[in-house]
Amino acid sequence: MYFAGVGESGERTVLKLDITPIHLFGATCYEDTIITVANWWDLEYLLGFMESWRFEYRRREDEADEKLGDRIRYSTTYEVNRFRDSVGIEVKALRYAHFDEAIAKIKEEIADRKPVAIYIDGFWAPWDHIYQKEHFLYHACIAIGFDESNDNLICIDPFHGIFHELELPLDHYRKGFGSTLLVFSRSLSSDAASQSNWRDSLSRTIATLRGEGQSPSQSSFKALESFADDIENDMDLTKEFDDINSIWKSSLYLSIETAIMGRVKFLNVIHHLAVKHNDEELHAFHDRFEVGINKWQVFKNKLLKSYMTKNTGANASLAKLVREQAKLERQLAEELEDIVSGSTASVRDPSLGCEDLALSAVVTASSSEVRYPASNINDGLFYTEWRAEGETNSAWVKLEWESARTVNRIVIRDSPNQYMNLNGGRLIFSSGYSVEAEGIPTDGTPKDVRFPAQKATWVMFHTTGCAGSSDREAGIEGLGVSACINQIKAFYDVPQTGGNSV
């Protein structure tokens, strides 16, 4: 903490804390205030999101006019408890009916070296993109200081990615006053999950997902199934979207986006733990969990397309996607339970120790869209893809090495983009061997193709079954010989009974 500015009589006129704002992708403005303070205190803030993989849905059959989006609600209690227990930061919400009382509390906390999160209508926040334009939601930022001489709060805004101090005139804060303050303190009940107890912490996550200790309807998987039933039987997309000035502000869209971002934050937790503890099983689980996030994106895209095209018959297919997601997430929870209990061998393929051949190959293609080059095929990134330009069943992509490589396994992943589906093709090797690759899932799930070992300088994939928007485009996310989901790798799986005989 430091002081700046001195009045004529020598009194301090500016008091502020030196805090760097932290924004986490997928986090809300509320969450960003917590992780910024936790980071300032050198705490492991990612562990606060161990409960972000959940789905809360309440069925209100007595309120037939209620929108589905309003039935999806997320309590912050889970995260507040996790930040307290697993991170070591306590967050308390204080409500004030009178503005002057809130200002007095802000000054008191800052004088005690503690920042305060405030809520303000974005219409009155000078740095907000909706400043003096519209009243939407109350936005959380952090008060880190007070300028007595100019009657300004000194703030930082992690959510908006602004990395310098901001001045908030008190008259603006008074007009946009959100009545709630968040105050922070060190927790004395931290379970030190980051050090040794991460398995127990993940077990607690699984128990929350299953609704253990609560009613069966509190299970995230049951909630997803109930949501699917109501989509099929009750959903009226016109009612969900038409009475607002932007579909992006509808409760249904915002709730689905919240579900997706919650899973992204949990993915960050798994990645953090996998790296910190050098755990291969968590790395593999991370990759499979990412597939599930991708399926949520497919659902969201189809939902929006159904509304914009006025497709009133899409409810059944949308409900099916949600039921499939409920099944997948239940399976993922079971896999994670096996990992934390230590009851499973490594989920990854034993060929992980082999050389990754795909990354050393040069990739060419029959054609490529500018934004989706052929080099995306083997860049190792989950979210990039190659797309042919104006080609369907004549498109091809080729991996080529400087010298011959031996391969006996290829994994092909279609782009999860619902408008560009590739479900079949043929693999052709420089050795003259070829093999069909049929039944490629169109949701991004990998297709594992095994064959007798081939020594080849190149392998080419010819598309034979693709349908895109207007039946024009083919797009595949990955071509390679792979040992695990969502990884673009090339391996030769050495037979257990002997070495390479090719």
Foldseek 3Di string as FASTA:
>chain_A
DDFDDADPVGDTQKFFDDFWFADDVLDAQVLSVVVRVLVVVVWPSLQLLLQLQFWAFDDDPVCQLDARLVRTDDDCVSSQVRCCAATFKHKDKDFDPDPVVVVVVQVVQLVVVWKKKFWFFLCLFVVRPCPVPDGDGTGIWIFGMARRVQQWTWTDGNHVPDGDIDTRHPVSCNVGGPRMMMTMDGHPNYPNCVPPNVLVSNVVSLCQCCVPPHDRCSHRLNNLLVSLVCLQPRHDVCSQAVPDPDSCRGSNNVSLSSNLSSLVSNLVVLVVSCVSVVPQQSVQLSQLSVLLSLLSVQLSVVSVVCSVVVPPPCSNVSSVSSNVSSVSVVVSSVSSNCVSVVVDDRPWDPQPVFAFPQLQWDKDKPAFDPQQHRVLQAPFALPGWTKHFQDAQAIKMKTFHPAWDKAFKKKWFFDQHPQKFAAWWKKAFPVGDIDIQGGHDRRGWIGMDGGPIDTGRMIMIGTHDMAGHVRGMHMTRYIEGDGGGSTRGHGHDADPVDGDPD
